[in-house]
């Protein structure tokens, strides 16, 4: 039932994630995606930093912008140097209601809140 209700938006959700992933990856070297160019409306987003620092920055960005970057991290201490965490970014139907500017503004607030 949920698939039938939302299948018409899969293409638009995929394009939204591709666009945002490309912009974010080009903005800051602390962000990367697997796959690097999303192949559907779901990708893993890897962030350089400790889970405590990332969660604190997420919460600060939420307070500042009203947009939550992620709900919870799925993995810690991953990546080549075990210095990354990741979450699963799924662009759902409700995220289509958010402008790219609003989402990118929340990411900018998140990055500002991370320790230098």
N, C-alpha and C. Protein backbone atom coordinates (compact mmCIF):
# COMPACT_ATOMS: atom_id res chain seq x y z
N UNK A 1 0.83 -1.20 0.00
CA UNK A 1 0.00 0.00 0.00
C UNK A 1 0.86 1.26 0.00
N UNK A 2 1.90 1.29 0.84
CA UNK A 2 2.77 2.48 0.87
C UNK A 2 3.51 2.64 -0.44
N UNK A 3 3.95 1.52 -1.02
CA UNK A 3 4.65 1.61 -2.32
C UNK A 3 3.74 2.24 -3.36
N UNK A 4 2.52 1.77 -3.45
CA UNK A 4 1.59 2.30 -4.45
C UNK A 4 1.30 3.77 -4.21
N UNK A 5 1.25 4.16 -2.96
CA UNK A 5 0.94 5.57 -2.64
C UNK A 5 2.08 6.51 -3.03
N UNK A 6 3.33 6.00 -3.03
CA UNK A 6 4.48 6.89 -3.22
C UNK A 6 5.33 6.59 -4.45
N UNK A 7 4.97 5.56 -5.22
CA UNK A 7 5.82 5.17 -6.34
C UNK A 7 5.98 6.26 -7.38
N UNK A 8 5.00 7.12 -7.52
CA UNK A 8 5.09 8.20 -8.50
C UNK A 8 6.19 9.21 -8.16
N UNK A 9 6.64 9.24 -6.91
CA UNK A 9 7.63 10.25 -6.50
C UNK A 9 9.06 9.71 -6.45
N UNK A 10 9.29 8.43 -6.76
CA UNK A 10 10.64 7.87 -6.66
C UNK A 10 11.64 8.63 -7.52
N UNK A 11 11.30 8.92 -8.75
CA UNK A 11 12.22 9.62 -9.64
C UNK A 11 12.59 11.00 -9.12
N UNK A 12 11.61 11.74 -8.68
CA UNK A 12 11.86 13.08 -8.13
C UNK A 12 12.70 13.00 -6.86
N UNK A 13 12.44 12.02 -6.02
CA UNK A 13 13.21 11.86 -4.78
C UNK A 13 14.65 11.48 -5.09
N UNK A 14 14.86 10.64 -6.09
CA UNK A 14 16.21 10.26 -6.51
C UNK A 14 16.97 11.48 -7.02
N UNK A 15 16.32 12.26 -7.87
CA UNK A 15 16.98 13.46 -8.41
C UNK A 15 17.31 14.45 -7.29
N UNK A 16 16.46 14.57 -6.31
CA UNK A 16 16.72 15.46 -5.18
C UNK A 16 17.96 15.01 -4.42
N UNK A 17 18.06 13.72 -4.12
CA UNK A 17 19.24 13.23 -3.40
C UNK A 17 20.49 13.37 -4.24
N UNK A 18 20.42 13.08 -5.53
CA UNK A 18 21.61 13.25 -6.40
C UNK A 18 22.09 14.69 -6.37
N UNK A 19 21.17 15.63 -6.48
CA UNK A 19 21.50 17.06 -6.50
C UNK A 19 22.12 17.49 -5.17
N UNK A 20 21.48 17.12 -4.07
CA UNK A 20 21.99 17.52 -2.75
C UNK A 20 23.32 16.85 -2.43
N UNK A 21 23.46 15.56 -2.76
CA UNK A 21 24.72 14.85 -2.51
C UNK A 21 25.87 15.50 -3.28
N UNK A 22 25.63 15.85 -4.52
CA UNK A 22 26.68 16.49 -5.33
C UNK A 22 27.09 17.83 -4.72
N UNK A 23 26.11 18.63 -4.32
CA UNK A 23 26.42 19.94 -3.75
C UNK A 23 27.15 19.80 -2.42
N UNK A 24 26.69 18.91 -1.56
CA UNK A 24 27.32 18.75 -0.25
C UNK A 24 28.72 18.18 -0.36
N UNK A 25 28.91 17.18 -1.23
CA UNK A 25 30.24 16.59 -1.42
C UNK A 25 31.24 17.62 -1.93
N UNK A 26 30.78 18.52 -2.77
CA UNK A 26 31.66 19.55 -3.33
C UNK A 26 31.93 20.67 -2.32
N UNK A 27 31.07 20.80 -1.32
CA UNK A 27 31.17 21.88 -0.35
C UNK A 27 32.19 21.63 0.73
N UNK A 28 32.28 20.40 1.21
CA UNK A 28 33.10 20.12 2.39
C UNK A 28 33.67 18.71 2.32
N UNK A 29 34.96 18.57 2.56
CA UNK A 29 35.61 17.26 2.46
C UNK A 29 35.25 16.34 3.62
N UNK A 30 34.51 16.83 4.61
CA UNK A 30 34.09 15.98 5.73
C UNK A 30 32.84 15.18 5.41
N UNK A 31 32.29 15.38 4.20
CA UNK A 31 31.06 14.70 3.78
C UNK A 31 31.35 13.89 2.53
N UNK A 32 30.92 12.62 2.53
CA UNK A 32 31.00 11.82 1.31
C UNK A 32 29.81 10.86 1.28
N UNK A 33 29.50 10.38 0.12
CA UNK A 33 28.36 9.49 -0.08
C UNK A 33 28.80 8.19 -0.71
N UNK A 34 28.12 7.11 -0.35
CA UNK A 34 28.28 5.80 -0.98
C UNK A 34 26.89 5.34 -1.41
N UNK A 35 26.69 5.13 -2.68
CA UNK A 35 27.61 5.44 -3.77
C UNK A 35 27.80 6.94 -3.90
N UNK A 36 28.90 7.34 -4.53
CA UNK A 36 29.22 8.77 -4.61
C UNK A 36 28.14 9.54 -5.37
N UNK A 37 27.53 8.90 -6.33
CA UNK A 37 26.37 9.47 -7.01
C UNK A 37 25.20 8.53 -6.74
N UNK A 38 24.27 8.95 -5.90
CA UNK A 38 23.16 8.05 -5.52
C UNK A 38 22.45 7.45 -6.73
N UNK A 39 22.11 6.17 -6.60
CA UNK A 39 21.46 5.43 -7.67
C UNK A 39 19.96 5.28 -7.45
N UNK A 40 19.49 5.75 -6.31
CA UNK A 40 18.07 5.75 -5.99
C UNK A 40 17.87 6.85 -4.94
N UNK A 41 16.76 6.86 -4.26
CA UNK A 41 16.49 7.92 -3.28
C UNK A 41 17.06 7.58 -1.90
N UNK A 42 18.07 6.69 -1.87
CA UNK A 42 18.70 6.25 -0.63
C UNK A 42 20.20 6.15 -0.86
N UNK A 43 20.99 6.65 0.10
CA UNK A 43 22.45 6.51 0.04
C UNK A 43 22.99 6.58 1.46
N UNK A 44 24.19 6.06 1.65
CA UNK A 44 24.88 6.23 2.93
C UNK A 44 25.66 7.53 2.87
N UNK A 45 25.52 8.35 3.90
CA UNK A 45 26.24 9.60 4.02
C UNK A 45 27.28 9.43 5.12
N UNK A 46 28.56 9.57 4.76
CA UNK A 46 29.66 9.43 5.70
C UNK A 46 30.13 10.80 6.14
N UNK A 47 30.32 10.96 7.44
CA UNK A 47 30.73 12.23 8.04
C UNK A 47 31.99 12.02 8.85
N UNK A 48 32.96 12.89 8.67
CA UNK A 48 34.20 12.82 9.41
C UNK A 48 33.99 13.42 10.79
N UNK A 49 34.26 12.64 11.83
CA UNK A 49 34.10 13.14 13.19
C UNK A 49 33.59 12.07 14.13
N UNK A 50 33.60 12.41 15.40
CA UNK A 50 33.09 11.48 16.41
C UNK A 50 31.56 11.56 16.47
N UNK A 51 30.94 10.51 16.93
CA UNK A 51 29.48 10.51 17.02
C UNK A 51 29.00 11.61 17.98
N UNK A 52 29.72 11.84 19.07
CA UNK A 52 29.31 12.89 20.01
C UNK A 52 29.34 14.26 19.36
N UNK A 53 30.42 14.57 18.63
CA UNK A 53 30.52 15.87 17.96
C UNK A 53 29.47 16.01 16.87
N UNK A 54 29.26 14.95 16.10
CA UNK A 54 28.28 15.01 15.01
C UNK A 54 26.87 15.17 15.55
N UNK A 55 26.53 14.43 16.60
CA UNK A 55 25.18 14.56 17.18
C UNK A 55 24.97 15.95 17.78
N UNK A 56 26.00 16.50 18.41
CA UNK A 56 25.88 17.86 18.98
C UNK A 56 25.66 18.88 17.87
N UNK A 57 26.38 18.73 16.76
CA UNK A 57 26.22 19.64 15.63
C UNK A 57 24.85 19.47 14.99
N UNK A 58 24.37 18.22 14.89
CA UNK A 58 23.02 17.97 14.36
C UNK A 58 21.97 18.69 15.20
N UNK A 59 22.11 18.57 16.52
CA UNK A 59 21.14 19.20 17.42
C UNK A 59 21.21 20.72 17.33
N UNK A 60 22.41 21.28 17.20
CA UNK A 60 22.57 22.73 17.05
C UNK A 60 21.93 23.21 15.76
N UNK A 61 22.13 22.47 14.67
CA UNK A 61 21.53 22.85 13.38
C UNK A 61 20.01 22.76 13.45
N UNK A 62 19.49 21.75 14.14
CA UNK A 62 18.04 21.62 14.30
C UNK A 62 17.47 22.81 15.05
N UNK A 63 18.14 23.21 16.14
CA UNK A 63 17.67 24.37 16.90
C UNK A 63 17.70 25.64 16.05
N UNK A 64 18.74 25.78 15.24
CA UNK A 64 18.90 26.99 14.43
C UNK A 64 17.95 27.05 13.23
N UNK A 65 17.74 25.90 12.58
CA UNK A 65 17.02 25.91 11.30
C UNK A 65 15.68 25.19 11.31
N UNK A 66 15.46 24.33 12.32
CA UNK A 66 14.23 23.54 12.34
C UNK A 66 14.30 22.31 11.44
N UNK A 67 15.47 22.04 10.85
CA UNK A 67 15.64 20.88 9.97
C UNK A 67 16.63 19.93 10.63
N UNK A 68 16.24 18.66 10.72
CA UNK A 68 17.12 17.64 11.29
C UNK A 68 17.92 17.01 10.16
N UNK A 69 19.24 17.06 10.25
CA UNK A 69 20.12 16.50 9.23
C UNK A 69 19.97 14.98 9.15
N UNK A 70 19.92 14.33 10.28
CA UNK A 70 19.72 12.88 10.34
C UNK A 70 19.07 12.54 11.67
N UNK A 71 18.45 11.37 11.73
CA UNK A 71 17.85 10.92 13.00
C UNK A 71 18.90 10.28 13.89
N UNK A 72 19.58 9.27 13.37
CA UNK A 72 20.62 8.64 14.18
C UNK A 72 21.70 8.07 13.28
N UNK A 73 22.90 8.04 13.82
CA UNK A 73 24.03 7.46 13.10
C UNK A 73 23.92 5.94 13.14
N UNK A 74 24.28 5.30 12.06
CA UNK A 74 24.21 3.84 11.96
C UNK A 74 25.54 3.20 12.31
N UNK A 75 26.63 3.84 12.01
CA UNK A 75 27.94 3.26 12.25
C UNK A 75 28.92 4.30 12.72
N UNK A 76 29.86 3.88 13.56
CA UNK A 76 30.89 4.77 14.08
C UNK A 76 32.25 4.13 13.84
N UNK A 77 33.27 4.97 13.73
CA UNK A 77 34.62 4.46 13.59
C UNK A 77 34.81 3.65 12.33
N UNK A 78 34.22 4.12 11.23
CA UNK A 78 34.33 3.43 9.96
C UNK A 78 35.16 4.27 9.00
N UNK A 79 35.40 3.76 7.83
CA UNK A 79 36.20 4.46 6.84
C UNK A 79 37.66 4.05 6.91
N UNK A 80 38.44 4.57 5.98
CA UNK A 80 39.84 4.18 5.84
C UNK A 80 40.63 4.37 7.14
N UNK A 81 40.39 5.44 7.84
CA UNK A 81 41.14 5.71 9.07
C UNK A 81 40.27 5.55 10.32
N UNK A 82 39.13 4.89 10.15
CA UNK A 82 38.19 4.67 11.26
C UNK A 82 37.80 5.99 11.94
N UNK A 83 37.67 7.03 11.13
CA UNK A 83 37.38 8.36 11.68
C UNK A 83 36.05 8.92 11.19
N UNK A 84 35.22 8.05 10.62
CA UNK A 84 33.93 8.50 10.09
C UNK A 84 32.78 7.79 10.79
N UNK A 85 31.64 8.43 10.69
CA UNK A 85 30.37 7.82 11.07
C UNK A 85 29.47 7.93 9.84
N UNK A 86 28.40 7.15 9.81
CA UNK A 86 27.50 7.28 8.67
C UNK A 86 26.05 7.14 9.10
N UNK A 87 25.18 7.65 8.24
CA UNK A 87 23.75 7.44 8.40
C UNK A 87 23.16 7.14 7.04
N UNK A 88 21.98 6.58 7.05
CA UNK A 88 21.27 6.27 5.81
C UNK A 88 20.35 7.43 5.48
N UNK A 89 20.64 8.10 4.38
CA UNK A 89 19.80 9.21 3.96
C UNK A 89 18.80 8.69 2.95
N UNK A 90 17.55 8.74 3.32
CA UNK A 90 16.46 8.37 2.43
C UNK A 90 15.63 9.63 2.22
N UNK A 91 15.53 10.05 0.97
CA UNK A 91 14.66 11.18 0.66
C UNK A 91 13.25 10.63 0.52
N UNK A 92 12.45 10.91 1.53
CA UNK A 92 11.07 10.46 1.54
C UNK A 92 10.14 11.50 0.93
N UNK A 93 8.89 11.16 0.75
CA UNK A 93 7.93 12.09 0.16
C UNK A 93 7.85 13.43 0.89
N UNK A 94 7.97 13.38 2.24
CA UNK A 94 7.85 14.62 3.00
C UNK A 94 9.04 15.55 2.78
N UNK A 95 10.21 15.01 2.44
CA UNK A 95 11.37 15.88 2.21
C UNK A 95 11.24 16.66 0.91
N UNK A 96 10.41 16.19 -0.02
CA UNK A 96 10.19 16.93 -1.26
C UNK A 96 9.55 18.28 -0.99
N UNK A 97 8.93 18.42 0.17
CA UNK A 97 8.30 19.70 0.53
C UNK A 97 9.33 20.73 0.98
N UNK A 98 10.57 20.30 1.27
CA UNK A 98 11.62 21.21 1.72
C UNK A 98 12.43 21.68 0.52
N UNK A 99 12.70 22.97 0.47
CA UNK A 99 13.51 23.50 -0.64
C UNK A 99 14.97 23.08 -0.46
N UNK A 100 15.68 23.02 -1.57
CA UNK A 100 17.12 22.73 -1.50
C UNK A 100 17.81 23.78 -0.63
N UNK A 101 17.40 25.02 -0.74
CA UNK A 101 18.02 26.09 0.05
C UNK A 101 17.86 25.85 1.54
N UNK A 102 16.69 25.40 1.95
CA UNK A 102 16.45 25.13 3.37
C UNK A 102 17.32 23.96 3.84
N UNK A 103 17.38 22.89 3.06
CA UNK A 103 18.18 21.72 3.43
C UNK A 103 19.66 22.08 3.46
N UNK A 104 20.13 22.78 2.43
CA UNK A 104 21.54 23.18 2.39
C UNK A 104 21.88 24.17 3.50
N UNK A 105 20.93 25.01 3.88
CA UNK A 105 21.13 25.92 5.00
C UNK A 105 21.29 25.17 6.31
N UNK A 106 20.52 24.10 6.48
CA UNK A 106 20.65 23.27 7.68
C UNK A 106 22.01 22.58 7.70
N UNK A 107 22.45 22.10 6.55
CA UNK A 107 23.78 21.50 6.46
C UNK A 107 24.87 22.52 6.77
N UNK A 108 24.71 23.75 6.30
CA UNK A 108 25.70 24.79 6.59
C UNK A 108 25.76 25.05 8.09
N UNK A 109 24.61 25.09 8.75
CA UNK A 109 24.57 25.27 10.21
C UNK A 109 25.23 24.08 10.90
N UNK A 110 24.99 22.88 10.42
CA UNK A 110 25.61 21.68 10.96
C UNK A 110 27.13 21.77 10.86
N UNK A 111 27.63 22.13 9.71
CA UNK A 111 29.09 22.21 9.50
C UNK A 111 29.71 23.30 10.37
N UNK A 112 29.02 24.43 10.53
CA UNK A 112 29.53 25.51 11.40
C UNK A 112 29.62 25.05 12.86
N UNK A 113 28.71 24.17 13.25
CA UNK A 113 28.66 23.72 14.65
C UNK A 113 29.68 22.64 14.97
N UNK A 114 30.30 22.06 13.95
CA UNK A 114 31.34 21.03 14.19
C UNK A 114 32.61 21.68 14.72
N UNK A 115 33.34 20.98 15.59
CA UNK A 115 34.63 21.51 16.05
C UNK A 115 35.60 21.67 14.88
N UNK A 116 36.44 22.64 14.98
CA UNK A 116 37.42 22.91 13.91
C UNK A 116 38.47 21.83 13.84
